[in-house]
Amino acid sequence: DVDPAGVYSVLSKAGTAAKSMSDTGSAMQGNLEEAASAAGTLTSQ
């Protein structure tokens, strides 16, 4: 007993949240790489 309009409403909201989560994950990946690079290196004396 499925209410298609209700399903599509939930899917729309969940899709928006999933897109936001994906964008955040992509930004985090780039930020981790930048932070690792900016943190410096160890050099043997």
PDB file of all heavy atoms in Angstrom:
ATOM      1  N   ASP A   1       0.876  -1.167   0.000  1.00  0.00           N
ATOM      2  CA  ASP A   1       0.000   0.000   0.000  1.00  0.00           C
ATOM      3  C   ASP A   1       0.917   1.222   0.000  1.00  0.00           C
ATOM      4  O   ASP A   1       1.321   1.709   1.052  1.00  0.00           O
ATOM      5  CB  ASP A   1      -0.914  -0.008   1.228  1.00  0.00           C
ATOM      6  CG  ASP A   1      -1.902   1.149   1.206  1.00  0.00           C
ATOM      7  OD1 ASP A   1      -2.101   1.757   0.136  1.00  0.00           O
ATOM      8  OD2 ASP A   1      -2.473   1.433   2.266  1.00  0.00           O
ATOM      9  N   VAL A   2       1.277   1.666  -1.197  1.00  0.00           N
ATOM     10  CA  VAL A   2       2.272   2.720  -1.363  1.00  0.00           C
ATOM     11  C   VAL A   2       1.588   4.020  -1.757  1.00  0.00           C
ATOM     12  O   VAL A   2       0.717   4.031  -2.619  1.00  0.00           O
ATOM     13  CB  VAL A   2       3.294   2.315  -2.448  1.00  0.00           C
ATOM     14  CG1 VAL A   2       4.312   3.417  -2.680  1.00  0.00           C
ATOM     15  CG2 VAL A   2       3.985   1.012  -2.063  1.00  0.00           C
ATOM     16  N   ASP A   3       1.998   5.095  -1.117  1.00  0.00           N
ATOM     17  CA  ASP A   3       1.534   6.432  -1.491  1.00  0.00           C
ATOM     18  C   ASP A   3       2.632   7.063  -2.346  1.00  0.00           C
ATOM     19  O   ASP A   3       3.604   7.617  -1.811  1.00  0.00           O
ATOM     20  CB  ASP A   3       1.283   7.267  -0.231  1.00  0.00           C
ATOM     21  CG  ASP A   3       0.993   8.733  -0.530  1.00  0.00           C
ATOM     22  OD1 ASP A   3       0.573   9.042  -1.669  1.00  0.00           O
ATOM     23  OD2 ASP A   3       1.193   9.563   0.376  1.00  0.00           O
ATOM     24  N   PRO A   4       2.518   6.954  -3.691  1.00  0.00           N
ATOM     25  CA  PRO A   4       3.586   7.449  -4.560  1.00  0.00           C
ATOM     26  C   PRO A   4       3.960   8.905  -4.319  1.00  0.00           C
ATOM     27  O   PRO A   4       5.148   9.248  -4.313  1.00  0.00           O
ATOM     28  CB  PRO A   4       3.025   7.253  -5.971  1.00  0.00           C
ATOM     29  CG  PRO A   4       2.058   6.125  -5.824  1.00  0.00           C
ATOM     30  CD  PRO A   4       1.445   6.328  -4.460  1.00  0.00           C
ATOM     31  N   ALA A   5       2.989   9.761  -4.092  1.00  0.00           N
ATOM     32  CA  ALA A   5       3.301  11.178  -3.849  1.00  0.00           C
ATOM     33  C   ALA A   5       4.143  11.328  -2.585  1.00  0.00           C
ATOM     34  O   ALA A   5       5.094  12.127  -2.547  1.00  0.00           O
ATOM     35  CB  ALA A   5       2.020  11.995  -3.748  1.00  0.00           C
ATOM     36  N   GLY A   6       3.813  10.559  -1.565  1.00  0.00           N
ATOM     37  CA  GLY A   6       4.588  10.595  -0.325  1.00  0.00           C
ATOM     38  C   GLY A   6       6.005  10.082  -0.533  1.00  0.00           C
ATOM     39  O   GLY A   6       6.972  10.654  -0.022  1.00  0.00           O
ATOM     40  N   VAL A   7       6.116   8.997  -1.313  1.00  0.00           N
ATOM     41  CA  VAL A   7       7.437   8.439  -1.606  1.00  0.00           C
ATOM     42  C   VAL A   7       8.285   9.476  -2.342  1.00  0.00           C
ATOM     43  O   VAL A   7       9.440   9.722  -1.988  1.00  0.00           O
ATOM     44  CB  VAL A   7       7.331   7.142  -2.435  1.00  0.00           C
ATOM     45  CG1 VAL A   7       8.709   6.697  -2.935  1.00  0.00           C
ATOM     46  CG2 VAL A   7       6.684   6.036  -1.625  1.00  0.00           C
ATOM     47  N   TYR A   8       7.716  10.107  -3.376  1.00  0.00           N
ATOM     48  CA  TYR A   8       8.490  11.069  -4.153  1.00  0.00           C
ATOM     49  C   TYR A   8       8.855  12.304  -3.330  1.00  0.00           C
ATOM     50  O   TYR A   8       9.920  12.890  -3.530  1.00  0.00           O
ATOM     51  CB  TYR A   8       7.759  11.437  -5.443  1.00  0.00           C
ATOM     52  CG  TYR A   8       7.678  10.260  -6.390  1.00  0.00           C
ATOM     53  CD1 TYR A   8       6.479   9.888  -6.967  1.00  0.00           C
ATOM     54  CD2 TYR A   8       8.801   9.493  -6.672  1.00  0.00           C
ATOM     55  CE1 TYR A   8       6.409   8.786  -7.819  1.00  0.00           C
ATOM     56  CE2 TYR A   8       8.745   8.400  -7.513  1.00  0.00           C
ATOM     57  CZ  TYR A   8       7.553   8.054  -8.091  1.00  0.00           C
ATOM     58  OH  TYR A   8       7.486   6.971  -8.916  1.00  0.00           O
ATOM     59  N   SER A   9       8.005  12.686  -2.389  1.00  0.00           N
ATOM     60  CA  SER A   9       8.329  13.800  -1.505  1.00  0.00           C
ATOM     61  C   SER A   9       9.538  13.454  -0.630  1.00  0.00           C
ATOM     62  O   SER A   9      10.472  14.249  -0.499  1.00  0.00           O
ATOM     63  CB  SER A   9       7.120  14.146  -0.622  1.00  0.00           C
ATOM     64  OG  SER A   9       7.471  15.123   0.334  1.00  0.00           O
ATOM     65  N   VAL A  10       9.516  12.250  -0.064  1.00  0.00           N
ATOM     66  CA  VAL A  10      10.635  11.807   0.772  1.00  0.00           C
ATOM     67  C   VAL A  10      11.905  11.655  -0.066  1.00  0.00           C
ATOM     68  O   VAL A  10      12.990  12.061   0.356  1.00  0.00           O
ATOM     69  CB  VAL A  10      10.287  10.485   1.503  1.00  0.00           C
ATOM     70  CG1 VAL A  10      11.516   9.886   2.169  1.00  0.00           C
ATOM     71  CG2 VAL A  10       9.187  10.722   2.529  1.00  0.00           C
ATOM     72  N   LEU A  11      11.776  11.077  -1.269  1.00  0.00           N
ATOM     73  CA  LEU A  11      12.941  10.911  -2.133  1.00  0.00           C
ATOM     74  C   LEU A  11      13.559  12.263  -2.505  1.00  0.00           C
ATOM     75  O   LEU A  11      14.785  12.392  -2.565  1.00  0.00           O
ATOM     76  CB  LEU A  11      12.576  10.142  -3.404  1.00  0.00           C
ATOM     77  CG  LEU A  11      12.327   8.648  -3.245  1.00  0.00           C
ATOM     78  CD1 LEU A  11      11.892   8.029  -4.564  1.00  0.00           C
ATOM     79  CD2 LEU A  11      13.561   7.947  -2.696  1.00  0.00           C
ATOM     80  N   SER A  12      12.724  13.249  -2.747  1.00  0.00           N
ATOM     81  CA  SER A  12      13.225  14.575  -3.087  1.00  0.00           C
ATOM     82  C   SER A  12      14.030  15.157  -1.931  1.00  0.00           C
ATOM     83  O   SER A  12      15.142  15.672  -2.123  1.00  0.00           O
ATOM     84  CB  SER A  12      12.063  15.500  -3.443  1.00  0.00           C
ATOM     85  OG  SER A  12      12.523  16.811  -3.672  1.00  0.00           O
ATOM     86  N   LYS A  13      13.482  15.069  -0.729  1.00  0.00           N
ATOM     87  CA  LYS A  13      14.183  15.601   0.451  1.00  0.00           C
ATOM     88  C   LYS A  13      15.455  14.812   0.733  1.00  0.00           C
ATOM     89  O   LYS A  13      16.500  15.393   1.044  1.00  0.00           O
ATOM     90  CB  LYS A  13      13.262  15.571   1.667  1.00  0.00           C
ATOM     91  CG  LYS A  13      12.118  16.555   1.560  1.00  0.00           C
ATOM     92  CD  LYS A  13      11.142  16.406   2.711  1.00  0.00           C
ATOM     93  CE  LYS A  13       9.940  17.321   2.496  1.00  0.00           C
ATOM     94  NZ  LYS A  13       8.884  17.073   3.480  1.00  0.00           N
ATOM     95  N   ALA A  14      15.373  13.493   0.615  1.00  0.00           N
ATOM     96  CA  ALA A  14      16.550  12.659   0.861  1.00  0.00           C
ATOM     97  C   ALA A  14      17.614  12.904  -0.205  1.00  0.00           C
ATOM     98  O   ALA A  14      18.815  12.906   0.093  1.00  0.00           O
ATOM     99  CB  ALA A  14      16.159  11.182   0.896  1.00  0.00           C
ATOM    100  N   GLY A  15      17.196  13.109  -1.449  1.00  0.00           N
ATOM    101  CA  GLY A  15      18.143  13.400  -2.520  1.00  0.00           C
ATOM    102  C   GLY A  15      18.881  14.704  -2.279  1.00  0.00           C
ATOM    103  O   GLY A  15      20.096  14.801  -2.525  1.00  0.00           O
ATOM    104  N   THR A  16      18.167  15.704  -1.799  1.00  0.00           N
ATOM    105  CA  THR A  16      18.797  16.984  -1.477  1.00  0.00           C
ATOM    106  C   THR A  16      19.825  16.809  -0.359  1.00  0.00           C
ATOM    107  O   THR A  16      20.939  17.338  -0.439  1.00  0.00           O
ATOM    108  CB  THR A  16      17.728  18.021  -1.060  1.00  0.00           C
ATOM    109  OG1 THR A  16      16.831  18.216  -2.162  1.00  0.00           O
ATOM    110  CG2 THR A  16      18.346  19.344  -0.657  1.00  0.00           C
ATOM    111  N   ALA A  17      19.464  16.045   0.666  1.00  0.00           N
ATOM    112  CA  ALA A  17      20.392  15.789   1.773  1.00  0.00           C
ATOM    113  C   ALA A  17      21.593  14.978   1.298  1.00  0.00           C
ATOM    114  O   ALA A  17      22.734  15.250   1.699  1.00  0.00           O
ATOM    115  CB  ALA A  17      19.673  15.061   2.907  1.00  0.00           C
ATOM    116  N   ALA A  18      21.365  14.001   0.417  1.00  0.00           N
ATOM    117  CA  ALA A  18      22.459  13.176  -0.101  1.00  0.00           C
ATOM    118  C   ALA A  18      23.419  14.019  -0.933  1.00  0.00           C
ATOM    119  O   ALA A  18      24.640  13.838  -0.867  1.00  0.00           O
ATOM    120  CB  ALA A  18      21.907  12.016  -0.930  1.00  0.00           C
ATOM    121  N   LYS A  19      22.896  14.947  -1.708  1.00  0.00           N
ATOM    122  CA  LYS A  19      23.743  15.839  -2.521  1.00  0.00           C
ATOM    123  C   LYS A  19      24.608  16.697  -1.609  1.00  0.00           C
ATOM    124  O   LYS A  19      25.811  16.871  -1.853  1.00  0.00           O
ATOM    125  CB  LYS A  19      22.856  16.724  -3.409  1.00  0.00           C
ATOM    126  CG  LYS A  19      23.578  17.837  -4.132  1.00  0.00           C
ATOM    127  CD  LYS A  19      24.253  17.362  -5.395  1.00  0.00           C
ATOM    128  CE  LYS A  19      24.738  18.499  -6.261  1.00  0.00           C
ATOM    129  NZ  LYS A  19      26.061  18.982  -5.924  1.00  0.00           N
ATOM    130  N   SER A  20      24.014  17.201  -0.548  1.00  0.00           N
ATOM    131  CA  SER A  20      24.765  18.013   0.408  1.00  0.00           C
ATOM    132  C   SER A  20      25.858  17.171   1.067  1.00  0.00           C
ATOM    133  O   SER A  20      26.996  17.641   1.239  1.00  0.00           O
ATOM    134  CB  SER A  20      23.815  18.581   1.469  1.00  0.00           C
ATOM    135  OG  SER A  20      24.525  19.294   2.440  1.00  0.00           O
ATOM    136  N   MET A  21      25.537  15.929   1.416  1.00  0.00           N
ATOM    137  CA  MET A  21      26.509  15.030   2.033  1.00  0.00           C
ATOM    138  C   MET A  21      27.656  14.741   1.058  1.00  0.00           C
ATOM    139  O   MET A  21      28.821  14.737   1.431  1.00  0.00           O
ATOM    140  CB  MET A  21      25.824  13.732   2.457  1.00  0.00           C
ATOM    141  CG  MET A  21      26.721  12.767   3.183  1.00  0.00           C
ATOM    142  SD  MET A  21      25.866  11.329   3.856  1.00  0.00           S
ATOM    143  CE  MET A  21      25.312  10.505   2.373  1.00  0.00           C
ATOM    144  N   SER A  22      27.326  14.533  -0.209  1.00  0.00           N
ATOM    145  CA  SER A  22      28.338  14.265  -1.224  1.00  0.00           C
ATOM    146  C   SER A  22      29.259  15.469  -1.413  1.00  0.00           C
ATOM    147  O   SER A  22      30.489  15.324  -1.496  1.00  0.00           O
ATOM    148  CB  SER A  22      27.659  13.905  -2.550  1.00  0.00           C
ATOM    149  OG  SER A  22      28.605  13.768  -3.574  1.00  0.00           O
ATOM    150  N   ASP A  23      28.665  16.649  -1.485  1.00  0.00           N
ATOM    151  CA  ASP A  23      29.464  17.874  -1.633  1.00  0.00           C
ATOM    152  C   ASP A  23      30.405  18.061  -0.443  1.00  0.00           C
ATOM    153  O   ASP A  23      31.563  18.445  -0.606  1.00  0.00           O
ATOM    154  CB  ASP A  23      28.555  19.097  -1.778  1.00  0.00           C
ATOM    155  CG  ASP A  23      27.785  19.111  -3.086  1.00  0.00           C
ATOM    156  OD1 ASP A  23      28.110  18.323  -3.996  1.00  0.00           O
ATOM    157  OD2 ASP A  23      26.818  19.902  -3.189  1.00  0.00           O
ATOM    158  N   THR A  24      29.903  17.777   0.743  1.00  0.00           N
ATOM    159  CA  THR A  24      30.713  17.902   1.954  1.00  0.00           C
ATOM    160  C   THR A  24      31.867  16.909   1.938  1.00  0.00           C
ATOM    161  O   THR A  24      32.999  17.239   2.284  1.00  0.00           O
ATOM    162  CB  THR A  24      29.847  17.705   3.211  1.00  0.00           C
ATOM    163  OG1 THR A  24      28.825  18.700   3.227  1.00  0.00           O
ATOM    164  CG2 THR A  24      30.667  17.801   4.481  1.00  0.00           C
ATOM    165  N   GLY A  25      31.576  15.671   1.520  1.00  0.00           N
ATOM    166  CA  GLY A  25      32.627  14.657   1.437  1.00  0.00           C
ATOM    167  C   GLY A  25      33.706  15.032   0.449  1.00  0.00           C
ATOM    168  O   GLY A  25      34.907  14.849   0.715  1.00  0.00           O
ATOM    169  N   SER A  26      33.304  15.574  -0.697  1.00  0.00           N
ATOM    170  CA  SER A  26      34.286  16.009  -1.696  1.00  0.00           C
ATOM    171  C   SER A  26      35.142  17.147  -1.159  1.00  0.00           C
ATOM    172  O   SER A  26      36.366  17.168  -1.352  1.00  0.00           O
ATOM    173  CB  SER A  26      33.578  16.457  -2.973  1.00  0.00           C
ATOM    174  OG  SER A  26      32.924  15.371  -3.581  1.00  0.00           O
ATOM    175  N   ALA A  27      34.508  18.091  -0.499  1.00  0.00           N
ATOM    176  CA  ALA A  27      35.254  19.217   0.085  1.00  0.00           C
ATOM    177  C   ALA A  27      36.211  18.719   1.162  1.00  0.00           C
ATOM    178  O   ALA A  27      37.350  19.179   1.248  1.00  0.00           O
ATOM    179  CB  ALA A  27      34.289  20.247   0.665  1.00  0.00           C
ATOM    180  N   MET A  28      35.756  17.753   1.968  1.00  0.00           N
ATOM    181  CA  MET A  28      36.602  17.224   3.034  1.00  0.00           C
ATOM    182  C   MET A  28      37.849  16.565   2.448  1.00  0.00           C
ATOM    183  O   MET A  28      38.952  16.748   2.955  1.00  0.00           O
ATOM    184  CB  MET A  28      35.844  16.223   3.889  1.00  0.00           C
ATOM    185  CG  MET A  28      36.663  15.690   5.056  1.00  0.00           C
ATOM    186  SD  MET A  28      35.861  14.385   5.971  1.00  0.00           S
ATOM    187  CE  MET A  28      36.170  12.997   4.894  1.00  0.00           C
ATOM    188  N   GLN A  29      37.676  15.821   1.369  1.00  0.00           N
ATOM    189  CA  GLN A  29      38.814  15.161   0.741  1.00  0.00           C
ATOM    190  C   GLN A  29      39.857  16.192   0.296  1.00  0.00           C
ATOM    191  O   GLN A  29      41.047  16.042   0.563  1.00  0.00           O
ATOM    192  CB  GLN A  29      38.357  14.325  -0.447  1.00  0.00           C
ATOM    193  CG  GLN A  29      39.477  13.570  -1.111  1.00  0.00           C
ATOM    194  CD  GLN A  29      38.990  12.729  -2.280  1.00  0.00           C
ATOM    195  OE1 GLN A  29      37.823  12.763  -2.639  1.00  0.00           O
ATOM    196  NE2 GLN A  29      39.889  11.985  -2.874  1.00  0.00           N
ATOM    197  N   GLY A  30      39.393  17.227  -0.359  1.00  0.00           N
ATOM    198  CA  GLY A  30      40.314  18.286  -0.785  1.00  0.00           C
ATOM    199  C   GLY A  30      40.951  18.997   0.391  1.00  0.00           C
ATOM    200  O   GLY A  30      42.150  19.306   0.369  1.00  0.00           O
ATOM    201  N   ASN A  31      40.169  19.239   1.430  1.00  0.00           N
ATOM    202  CA  ASN A  31      40.694  19.928   2.608  1.00  0.00           C
ATOM    203  C   ASN A  31      41.740  19.084   3.334  1.00  0.00           C
ATOM    204  O   ASN A  31      42.722  19.616   3.851  1.00  0.00           O
ATOM    205  CB  ASN A  31      39.564  20.299   3.565  1.00  0.00           C
ATOM    206  CG  ASN A  31      38.666  21.390   3.011  1.00  0.00           C
ATOM    207  OD1 ASN A  31      39.047  22.129   2.107  1.00  0.00           O
ATOM    208  ND2 ASN A  31      37.462  21.476   3.532  1.00  0.00           N
ATOM    209  N   LEU A  32      41.513  17.745   3.388  1.00  0.00           N
ATOM    210  CA  LEU A  32      42.498  16.873   4.028  1.00  0.00           C
ATOM    211  C   LEU A  32      43.825  16.906   3.262  1.00  0.00           C
ATOM    212  O   LEU A  32      44.893  16.962   3.871  1.00  0.00           O
ATOM    213  CB  LEU A  32      41.977  15.432   4.100  1.00  0.00           C
ATOM    214  CG  LEU A  32      41.002  15.116   5.215  1.00  0.00           C
ATOM    215  CD1 LEU A  32      40.466  13.690   5.074  1.00  0.00           C
ATOM    216  CD2 LEU A  32      41.651  15.295   6.578  1.00  0.00           C
ATOM    217  N   GLU A  33      43.732  16.876   1.937  1.00  0.00           N
ATOM    218  CA  GLU A  33      44.951  16.922   1.125  1.00  0.00           C
ATOM    219  C   GLU A  33      45.694  18.246   1.333  1.00  0.00           C
ATOM    220  O   GLU A  33      46.917  18.260   1.483  1.00  0.00           O
ATOM    221  CB  GLU A  33      44.602  16.727  -0.348  1.00  0.00           C
ATOM    222  CG  GLU A  33      44.161  15.314  -0.675  1.00  0.00           C
ATOM    223  CD  GLU A  33      43.647  15.161  -2.098  1.00  0.00           C
ATOM    224  OE1 GLU A  33      43.800  16.106  -2.904  1.00  0.00           O
ATOM    225  OE2 GLU A  33      43.098  14.091  -2.394  1.00  0.00           O
ATOM    226  N   GLU A  34      44.958  19.348   1.341  1.00  0.00           N
ATOM    227  CA  GLU A  34      45.578  20.659   1.560  1.00  0.00           C
ATOM    228  C   GLU A  34      46.210  20.738   2.948  1.00  0.00           C
ATOM    229  O   GLU A  34      47.328  21.238   3.100  1.00  0.00           O
ATOM    230  CB  GLU A  34      44.544  21.765   1.411  1.00  0.00           C
ATOM    231  CG  GLU A  34      44.163  22.085  -0.011  1.00  0.00           C
ATOM    232  CD  GLU A  34      43.144  23.219  -0.081  1.00  0.00           C
ATOM    233  OE1 GLU A  34      43.225  24.161   0.738  1.00  0.00           O
ATOM    234  OE2 GLU A  34      42.271  23.152  -0.958  1.00  0.00           O
ATOM    235  N   ALA A  35      45.483  20.244   3.947  1.00  0.00           N
ATOM    236  CA  ALA A  35      45.997  20.305   5.313  1.00  0.00           C
ATOM    237  C   ALA A  35      47.250  19.442   5.462  1.00  0.00           C
ATOM    238  O   ALA A  35      48.222  19.855   6.105  1.00  0.00           O
ATOM    239  CB  ALA A  35      44.919  19.839   6.301  1.00  0.00           C
ATOM    240  N   ALA A  36      47.237  18.264   4.855  1.00  0.00           N
ATOM    241  CA  ALA A  36      48.416  17.388   4.934  1.00  0.00           C
ATOM    242  C   ALA A  36      49.615  18.049   4.265  1.00  0.00           C
ATOM    243  O   ALA A  36      50.739  17.984   4.778  1.00  0.00           O
ATOM    244  CB  ALA A  36      48.107  16.041   4.285  1.00  0.00           C
ATOM    245  N   SER A  37      49.378  18.695   3.146  1.00  0.00           N
ATOM    246  CA  SER A  37      50.455  19.374   2.428  1.00  0.00           C
ATOM    247  C   SER A  37      50.979  20.570   3.221  1.00  0.00           C
ATOM    248  O   SER A  37      52.189  20.805   3.293  1.00  0.00           O
ATOM    249  CB  SER A  37      49.946  19.825   1.059  1.00  0.00           C
ATOM    250  OG  SER A  37      50.921  20.560   0.390  1.00  0.00           O
ATOM    251  N   ALA A  38      50.080  21.314   3.824  1.00  0.00           N
ATOM    252  CA  ALA A  38      50.469  22.517   4.563  1.00  0.00           C
ATOM    253  C   ALA A  38      51.107  22.197   5.916  1.00  0.00           C
ATOM    254  O   ALA A  38      51.765  23.049   6.504  1.00  0.00           O
ATOM    255  CB  ALA A  38      49.245  23.407   4.777  1.00  0.00           C
ATOM    256  N   ALA A  39      50.936  20.966   6.383  1.00  0.00           N
ATOM    257  CA  ALA A  39      51.458  20.602   7.697  1.00  0.00           C
ATOM    258  C   ALA A  39      52.970  20.448   7.704  1.00  0.00           C
ATOM    259  O   ALA A  39      53.581  20.350   8.765  1.00  0.00           O
ATOM    260  CB  ALA A  39      50.803  19.308   8.172  1.00  0.00           C
ATOM    261  N   GLY A  40      53.575  20.427   6.550  1.00  0.00           N
ATOM    262  CA  GLY A  40      55.031  20.375   6.488  1.00  0.00           C
ATOM    263  C   GLY A  40      55.568  18.961   6.336  1.00  0.00           C
ATOM    264  O   GLY A  40      54.834  17.991   6.292  1.00  0.00           O
ATOM    265  N   THR A  41      56.898  18.900   6.267  1.00  0.00           N
ATOM    266  CA  THR A  41      57.572  17.620   6.055  1.00  0.00           C
ATOM    267  C   THR A  41      58.654  17.435   7.105  1.00  0.00           C
ATOM    268  O   THR A  41      59.041  18.374   7.802  1.00  0.00           O
ATOM    269  CB  THR A  41      58.220  17.575   4.656  1.00  0.00           C
ATOM    270  OG1 THR A  41      59.143  18.645   4.549  1.00  0.00           O
ATOM    271  CG2 THR A  41      57.176  17.679   3.558  1.00  0.00           C
ATOM    272  N   LEU A  42      59.129  16.226   7.181  1.00  0.00           N
ATOM    273  CA  LEU A  42      60.280  15.919   8.029  1.00  0.00           C
ATOM    274  C   LEU A  42      61.486  15.795   7.110  1.00  0.00           C
ATOM    275  O   LEU A  42      61.425  15.143   6.074  1.00  0.00           O
ATOM    276  CB  LEU A  42      60.068  14.600   8.762  1.00  0.00           C
ATOM    277  CG  LEU A  42      58.905  14.547   9.749  1.00  0.00           C
ATOM    278  CD1 LEU A  42      58.760  13.139  10.301  1.00  0.00           C
ATOM    279  CD2 LEU A  42      59.129  15.521  10.885  1.00  0.00           C
ATOM    280  N   THR A  43      62.579  16.411   7.481  1.00  0.00           N
ATOM    281  CA  THR A  43      63.792  16.356   6.666  1.00  0.00           C
ATOM    282  C   THR A  43      64.914  15.780   7.513  1.00  0.00           C
ATOM    283  O   THR A  43      65.124  16.196   8.656  1.00  0.00           O
ATOM    284  CB  THR A  43      64.191  17.764   6.185  1.00  0.00           C
ATOM    285  OG1 THR A  43      63.094  18.324   5.480  1.00  0.00           O
ATOM    286  CG2 THR A  43      65.402  17.715   5.272  1.00  0.00           C
ATOM    287  N   SER A  44      65.623  14.847   6.943  1.00  0.00           N
ATOM    288  CA  SER A  44      66.756  14.238   7.639  1.00  0.00           C
ATOM    289  C   SER A  44      67.894  15.245   7.710  1.00  0.00           C
ATOM    290  O   SER A  44      68.232  15.886   6.716  1.00  0.00           O
ATOM    291  CB  SER A  44      67.208  12.981   6.896  1.00  0.00           C
ATOM    292  OG  SER A  44      68.420  12.513   7.467  1.00  0.00           O
ATOM    293  N   GLN A  45      68.513  15.356   8.873  1.00  0.00           N
ATOM    294  CA  GLN A  45      69.626  16.287   9.016  1.00  0.00           C
ATOM    295  C   GLN A  45      70.953  15.658   8.614  1.00  0.00           C
ATOM    296  O   GLN A  45      71.966  16.327   8.560  1.00  0.00           O
ATOM    297  CB  GLN A  45      69.702  16.796  10.444  1.00  0.00           C
ATOM    298  CG  GLN A  45      70.060  15.723  11.464  1.00  0.00           C
ATOM    299  CD  GLN A  45      70.032  16.265  12.886  1.00  0.00           C
ATOM    300  OE1 GLN A  45      69.424  17.288  13.152  1.00  0.00           O
ATOM    301  NE2 GLN A  45      70.685  15.575  13.788  1.00  0.00           N
TER     302      GLN A  45
END
